[in-house]
Amino acid sequence: DTGPEASVSQPGPLTLLATSIDGCQAQASTLVVEGTLPQVSINGQDTICGSQTIILTASANRSGAFEWNDGTTGNQLTIQSAGQYLVNFSPDEGCQVSEDFAVSFLEFPVISAGDVEICEGDVVQVAAQSSNGNVFWPGVSDFSVAEIDQAGTYEVSAENECGTVSEF
């Protein structure tokens, strides 16, 4: 290359020769080595519920500085909303790398169950539903359907990553 910059595409010895306008020359040599990029990871819950607060923690396989996409510095970021989070890592030596982490929002479970009539001596099946949780009848059935043989008030519950909700 000619000019004030040189580009290097592979490791190896590099010699630069500079010539001034009056013909004087100077030479400098260096060895270009191929480095490995740092490895960065982000750990934390990937689902956030309601107004919950969670902490994302970044780590790297060498020392350096972390900066999150909102400008927060340090390896931890406290969040309260779903979204895509990015951390930039600048090692003490070497190239900067980035890592991203997706956090989704999940509602607490919602249960739908109706009333049924039962006559003495009958057995009826009662079903409950939840679009975002696993339904069960505590003490009666581990599933969304329960067989009931007497009148009364029964508890039905639904659970997901956010917790358990019950209705009577």
C-alpha atoms as a PDB file:
ATOM      1  CA  ASP A   1       0.000   0.000   0.000  1.00  0.00           C
ATOM      2  CA  THR A   2       1.019   3.574  -0.485  1.00  0.00           C
ATOM      3  CA  GLY A   3      -0.210   6.424   1.655  1.00  0.00           C
ATOM      4  CA  PRO A   4      -0.447   7.096   5.376  1.00  0.00           C
ATOM      5  CA  GLU A   5      -2.276   3.826   6.202  1.00  0.00           C
ATOM      6  CA  ALA A   6      -1.572   0.150   5.655  1.00  0.00           C
ATOM      7  CA  SER A   7      -4.134  -2.642   5.822  1.00  0.00           C
ATOM      8  CA  VAL A   8      -3.218  -6.065   7.101  1.00  0.00           C
ATOM      9  CA  SER A   9      -5.317  -9.146   6.320  1.00  0.00           C
ATOM     10  CA  GLN A  10      -3.270 -11.924   7.895  1.00  0.00           C
ATOM     11  CA  PRO A  11      -0.768 -12.431  10.701  1.00  0.00           C
ATOM     12  CA  GLY A  12       2.973 -12.301  10.091  1.00  0.00           C
ATOM     13  CA  PRO A  13       5.890  -9.879   9.927  1.00  0.00           C
ATOM     14  CA  LEU A  14       5.088  -6.377   8.695  1.00  0.00           C
ATOM     15  CA  THR A  15       7.684  -3.850   7.555  1.00  0.00           C
ATOM     16  CA  LEU A  16       6.723  -0.260   6.882  1.00  0.00           C
ATOM     17  CA  LEU A  17       8.950   1.985   4.787  1.00  0.00           C
ATOM     18  CA  ALA A  18       8.373   5.733   4.818  1.00  0.00           C
ATOM     19  CA  THR A  19       9.974   8.129   2.382  1.00  0.00           C
ATOM     20  CA  SER A  20       9.939  11.874   3.003  1.00  0.00           C
ATOM     21  CA  ILE A  21       9.535  14.413   0.188  1.00  0.00           C
ATOM     22  CA  ASP A  22      13.306  15.088   0.235  1.00  0.00           C
ATOM     23  CA  GLY A  23      14.093  11.373  -0.238  1.00  0.00           C
ATOM     24  CA  CYS A  24      14.983  10.330   3.314  1.00  0.00           C
ATOM     25  CA  GLN A  25      13.733   6.887   4.302  1.00  0.00           C
ATOM     26  CA  ALA A  26      12.800   5.308   7.624  1.00  0.00           C
ATOM     27  CA  GLN A  27      11.812   1.738   8.270  1.00  0.00           C
ATOM     28  CA  ALA A  28       9.889   0.054  11.100  1.00  0.00           C
ATOM     29  CA  SER A  29       9.046  -3.618  11.551  1.00  0.00           C
ATOM     30  CA  THR A  30       6.533  -5.372  13.741  1.00  0.00           C
ATOM     31  CA  LEU A  31       4.928  -8.774  14.048  1.00  0.00           C
ATOM     32  CA  VAL A  32       1.171  -8.924  13.469  1.00  0.00           C
ATOM     33  CA  VAL A  33      -0.389 -11.707  15.549  1.00  0.00           C
ATOM     34  CA  GLU A  34      -3.871 -13.118  15.256  1.00  0.00           C
ATOM     35  CA  GLY A  35      -5.833 -12.718  18.466  1.00  0.00           C
ATOM     36  CA  THR A  36      -8.880 -14.591  19.636  1.00  0.00           C
ATOM     37  CA  LEU A  37     -12.066 -12.727  20.342  1.00  0.00           C
ATOM     38  CA  PRO A  38     -13.257 -12.691  23.929  1.00  0.00           C
ATOM     39  CA  GLN A  39     -16.218 -14.907  24.755  1.00  0.00           C
ATOM     40  CA  VAL A  40     -19.100 -13.075  26.418  1.00  0.00           C
ATOM     41  CA  SER A  41     -22.356 -14.487  27.802  1.00  0.00           C
ATOM     42  CA  ILE A  42     -25.429 -13.055  29.516  1.00  0.00           C
ATOM     43  CA  ASN A  43     -27.265 -15.022  32.211  1.00  0.00           C
ATOM     44  CA  GLY A  44     -30.612 -14.329  33.852  1.00  0.00           C
ATOM     45  CA  GLN A  45     -34.306 -15.074  33.605  1.00  0.00           C
ATOM     46  CA  ASP A  46     -35.586 -14.855  30.052  1.00  0.00           C
ATOM     47  CA  THR A  47     -39.176 -14.219  31.154  1.00  0.00           C
ATOM     48  CA  ILE A  48     -40.459 -11.280  33.195  1.00  0.00           C
ATOM     49  CA  CYS A  49     -43.817 -11.323  34.995  1.00  0.00           C
ATOM     50  CA  GLY A  50     -45.980  -8.310  35.823  1.00  0.00           C
ATOM     51  CA  SER A  51     -43.936  -5.594  37.535  1.00  0.00           C
ATOM     52  CA  GLN A  52     -41.151  -7.997  38.487  1.00  0.00           C
ATOM     53  CA  THR A  53     -37.529  -6.842  38.504  1.00  0.00           C
ATOM     54  CA  ILE A  54     -34.804  -9.160  37.227  1.00  0.00           C
ATOM     55  CA  ILE A  55     -31.027  -8.873  36.976  1.00  0.00           C
ATOM     56  CA  LEU A  56     -29.048  -9.819  33.886  1.00  0.00           C
ATOM     57  CA  THR A  57     -25.385 -10.687  34.487  1.00  0.00           C
ATOM     58  CA  ALA A  58     -22.727 -10.588  31.776  1.00  0.00           C
ATOM     59  CA  SER A  59     -19.449 -12.488  32.032  1.00  0.00           C
ATOM     60  CA  ALA A  60     -16.371 -12.807  29.854  1.00  0.00           C
ATOM     61  CA  ASN A  61     -13.360 -15.089  29.664  1.00  0.00           C
ATOM     62  CA  ARG A  62     -10.922 -12.191  30.209  1.00  0.00           C
ATOM     63  CA  SER A  63     -10.780  -8.878  32.035  1.00  0.00           C
ATOM     64  CA  GLY A  64     -12.319  -5.755  30.565  1.00  0.00           C
ATOM     65  CA  ALA A  65     -15.279  -3.382  30.761  1.00  0.00           C
ATOM     66  CA  PHE A  66     -18.988  -3.955  30.092  1.00  0.00           C
ATOM     67  CA  GLU A  67     -21.446  -1.384  28.742  1.00  0.00           C
ATOM     68  CA  TRP A  68     -25.145  -2.140  28.185  1.00  0.00           C
ATOM     69  CA  ASN A  69     -27.274  -0.692  25.374  1.00  0.00           C
ATOM     70  CA  ASP A  70     -28.843   1.835  27.781  1.00  0.00           C
ATOM     71  CA  GLY A  71     -25.419   3.183  28.820  1.00  0.00           C
ATOM     72  CA  THR A  72     -25.202   1.297  32.131  1.00  0.00           C
ATOM     73  CA  THR A  73     -21.664   0.174  32.891  1.00  0.00           C
ATOM     74  CA  GLY A  74     -20.670  -2.927  34.843  1.00  0.00           C
ATOM     75  CA  ASN A  75     -21.544  -6.563  34.361  1.00  0.00           C
ATOM     76  CA  GLN A  76     -25.085  -6.388  35.823  1.00  0.00           C
ATOM     77  CA  LEU A  77     -28.227  -4.746  34.481  1.00  0.00           C
ATOM     78  CA  THR A  78     -31.497  -4.470  36.428  1.00  0.00           C
ATOM     79  CA  ILE A  79     -34.567  -4.543  34.181  1.00  0.00           C
ATOM     80  CA  GLN A  80     -38.344  -4.301  34.598  1.00  0.00           C
ATOM     81  CA  SER A  81     -39.589  -4.823  31.044  1.00  0.00           C
ATOM     82  CA  ALA A  82     -39.380  -7.279  28.194  1.00  0.00           C
ATOM     83  CA  GLY A  83     -37.065  -6.546  25.306  1.00  0.00           C
ATOM     84  CA  GLN A  84     -33.762  -7.219  23.598  1.00  0.00           C
ATOM     85  CA  TYR A  85     -30.742  -6.351  25.774  1.00  0.00           C
ATOM     86  CA  LEU A  86     -27.213  -5.912  24.423  1.00  0.00           C
ATOM     87  CA  VAL A  87     -23.894  -5.681  26.239  1.00  0.00           C
ATOM     88  CA  ASN A  88     -20.648  -4.485  24.644  1.00  0.00           C
ATOM     89  CA  PHE A  89     -17.452  -5.881  26.120  1.00  0.00           C
ATOM     90  CA  SER A  90     -14.148  -4.052  25.702  1.00  0.00           C
ATOM     91  CA  PRO A  91     -11.291  -6.269  26.870  1.00  0.00           C
ATOM     92  CA  ASP A  92      -8.164  -4.746  28.395  1.00  0.00           C
ATOM     93  CA  GLU A  93      -6.422  -5.974  25.227  1.00  0.00           C
ATOM     94  CA  GLY A  94      -8.026  -6.990  21.954  1.00  0.00           C
ATOM     95  CA  CYS A  95     -11.204  -6.399  20.044  1.00  0.00           C
ATOM     96  CA  GLN A  96     -14.606  -5.370  21.375  1.00  0.00           C
ATOM     97  CA  VAL A  97     -17.448  -7.898  21.128  1.00  0.00           C
ATOM     98  CA  SER A  98     -21.188  -7.753  21.808  1.00  0.00           C
ATOM     99  CA  GLU A  99     -23.750 -10.221  23.079  1.00  0.00           C
ATOM    100  CA  ASP A 100     -27.535  -9.902  23.187  1.00  0.00           C
ATOM    101  CA  PHE A 101     -30.253 -11.476  25.321  1.00  0.00           C
ATOM    102  CA  ALA A 102     -34.036 -11.568  24.763  1.00  0.00           C
ATOM    103  CA  VAL A 103     -36.483 -11.197  27.664  1.00  0.00           C
ATOM    104  CA  SER A 104     -40.182 -11.888  27.027  1.00  0.00           C
ATOM    105  CA  PHE A 105     -43.223 -10.853  29.065  1.00  0.00           C
ATOM    106  CA  LEU A 106     -45.572 -13.422  30.590  1.00  0.00           C
ATOM    107  CA  GLU A 107     -48.859 -12.716  32.375  1.00  0.00           C
ATOM    108  CA  PHE A 108     -49.884 -14.485  35.553  1.00  0.00           C
ATOM    109  CA  PRO A 109     -52.225 -17.390  34.722  1.00  0.00           C
ATOM    110  CA  VAL A 110     -55.921 -16.739  34.146  1.00  0.00           C
ATOM    111  CA  ILE A 111     -58.451 -19.470  34.987  1.00  0.00           C
ATOM    112  CA  SER A 112     -61.848 -20.111  33.448  1.00  0.00           C
ATOM    113  CA  ALA A 113     -64.190 -22.555  35.193  1.00  0.00           C
ATOM    114  CA  GLY A 114     -67.967 -22.671  35.373  1.00  0.00           C
ATOM    115  CA  ASP A 115     -70.519 -23.840  37.911  1.00  0.00           C
ATOM    116  CA  VAL A 116     -72.169 -27.245  37.525  1.00  0.00           C
ATOM    117  CA  GLU A 117     -75.165 -28.873  39.150  1.00  0.00           C
ATOM    118  CA  ILE A 118     -74.860 -32.275  40.736  1.00  0.00           C
ATOM    119  CA  CYS A 119     -77.591 -34.573  41.963  1.00  0.00           C
ATOM    120  CA  GLU A 120     -77.162 -36.921  44.888  1.00  0.00           C
ATOM    121  CA  GLY A 121     -75.351 -40.099  43.799  1.00  0.00           C
ATOM    122  CA  ASP A 122     -74.069 -38.603  40.536  1.00  0.00           C
ATOM    123  CA  VAL A 123     -70.481 -38.133  39.458  1.00  0.00           C
ATOM    124  CA  VAL A 124     -69.781 -35.211  37.143  1.00  0.00           C
ATOM    125  CA  GLN A 125     -66.688 -34.073  35.342  1.00  0.00           C
ATOM    126  CA  VAL A 126     -65.768 -30.438  35.844  1.00  0.00           C
ATOM    127  CA  ALA A 127     -63.269 -28.812  33.502  1.00  0.00           C
ATOM    128  CA  ALA A 128     -61.276 -25.611  33.878  1.00  0.00           C
ATOM    129  CA  GLN A 129     -59.111 -23.836  31.316  1.00  0.00           C
ATOM    130  CA  SER A 130     -56.188 -21.464  31.204  1.00  0.00           C
ATOM    131  CA  SER A 131     -54.643 -20.053  28.052  1.00  0.00           C
ATOM    132  CA  ASN A 132     -51.321 -19.420  29.777  1.00  0.00           C
ATOM    133  CA  GLY A 133     -50.976 -21.937  32.595  1.00  0.00           C
ATOM    134  CA  ASN A 134     -51.262 -25.572  33.648  1.00  0.00           C
ATOM    135  CA  VAL A 135     -54.589 -26.229  35.397  1.00  0.00           C
ATOM    136  CA  PHE A 136     -55.112 -28.580  38.356  1.00  0.00           C
ATOM    137  CA  TRP A 137     -57.601 -29.113  41.184  1.00  0.00           C
ATOM    138  CA  PRO A 138     -55.631 -29.223  44.504  1.00  0.00           C
ATOM    139  CA  GLY A 139     -56.427 -32.389  46.443  1.00  0.00           C
ATOM    140  CA  VAL A 140     -58.770 -33.622  43.676  1.00  0.00           C
ATOM    141  CA  SER A 141     -56.944 -33.867  40.324  1.00  0.00           C
ATOM    142  CA  ASP A 142     -53.558 -33.025  38.839  1.00  0.00           C
ATOM    143  CA  PHE A 143     -55.262 -32.246  35.521  1.00  0.00           C
ATOM    144  CA  SER A 144     -57.727 -29.696  34.134  1.00  0.00           C
ATOM    145  CA  VAL A 145     -60.653 -32.118  34.561  1.00  0.00           C
ATOM    146  CA  ALA A 146     -61.879 -33.288  37.966  1.00  0.00           C
ATOM    147  CA  GLU A 147     -64.509 -35.875  38.850  1.00  0.00           C
ATOM    148  CA  ILE A 148     -66.827 -34.557  41.561  1.00  0.00           C
ATOM    149  CA  ASP A 149     -69.298 -36.745  43.475  1.00  0.00           C
ATOM    150  CA  GLN A 150     -70.712 -34.283  45.977  1.00  0.00           C
ATOM    151  CA  ALA A 151     -71.864 -30.684  46.064  1.00  0.00           C
ATOM    152  CA  GLY A 152     -69.479 -28.123  47.472  1.00  0.00           C
ATOM    153  CA  THR A 153     -66.943 -25.447  46.690  1.00  0.00           C
ATOM    154  CA  TYR A 154     -63.772 -26.663  45.048  1.00  0.00           C
ATOM    155  CA  GLU A 155     -60.463 -24.927  44.474  1.00  0.00           C
ATOM    156  CA  VAL A 156     -59.021 -24.834  40.959  1.00  0.00           C
ATOM    157  CA  SER A 157     -55.515 -23.523  40.274  1.00  0.00           C
ATOM    158  CA  ALA A 158     -53.340 -22.614  37.312  1.00  0.00           C
ATOM    159  CA  GLU A 159     -49.584 -22.185  37.360  1.00  0.00           C
ATOM    160  CA  ASN A 160     -46.867 -20.948  35.018  1.00  0.00           C
ATOM    161  CA  GLU A 161     -43.402 -19.389  35.360  1.00  0.00           C
ATOM    162  CA  CYS A 162     -44.974 -16.341  37.057  1.00  0.00           C
ATOM    163  CA  GLY A 163     -46.639 -18.288  39.861  1.00  0.00           C
ATOM    164  CA  THR A 164     -49.891 -19.956  40.873  1.00  0.00           C
ATOM    165  CA  VAL A 165     -53.375 -18.445  40.890  1.00  0.00           C
ATOM    166  CA  SER A 166     -56.372 -20.137  42.545  1.00  0.00           C
ATOM    167  CA  GLU A 167     -60.146 -19.663  42.382  1.00  0.00           C
ATOM    168  CA  PHE A 168     -62.962 -21.258  44.371  1.00  0.00           C
END
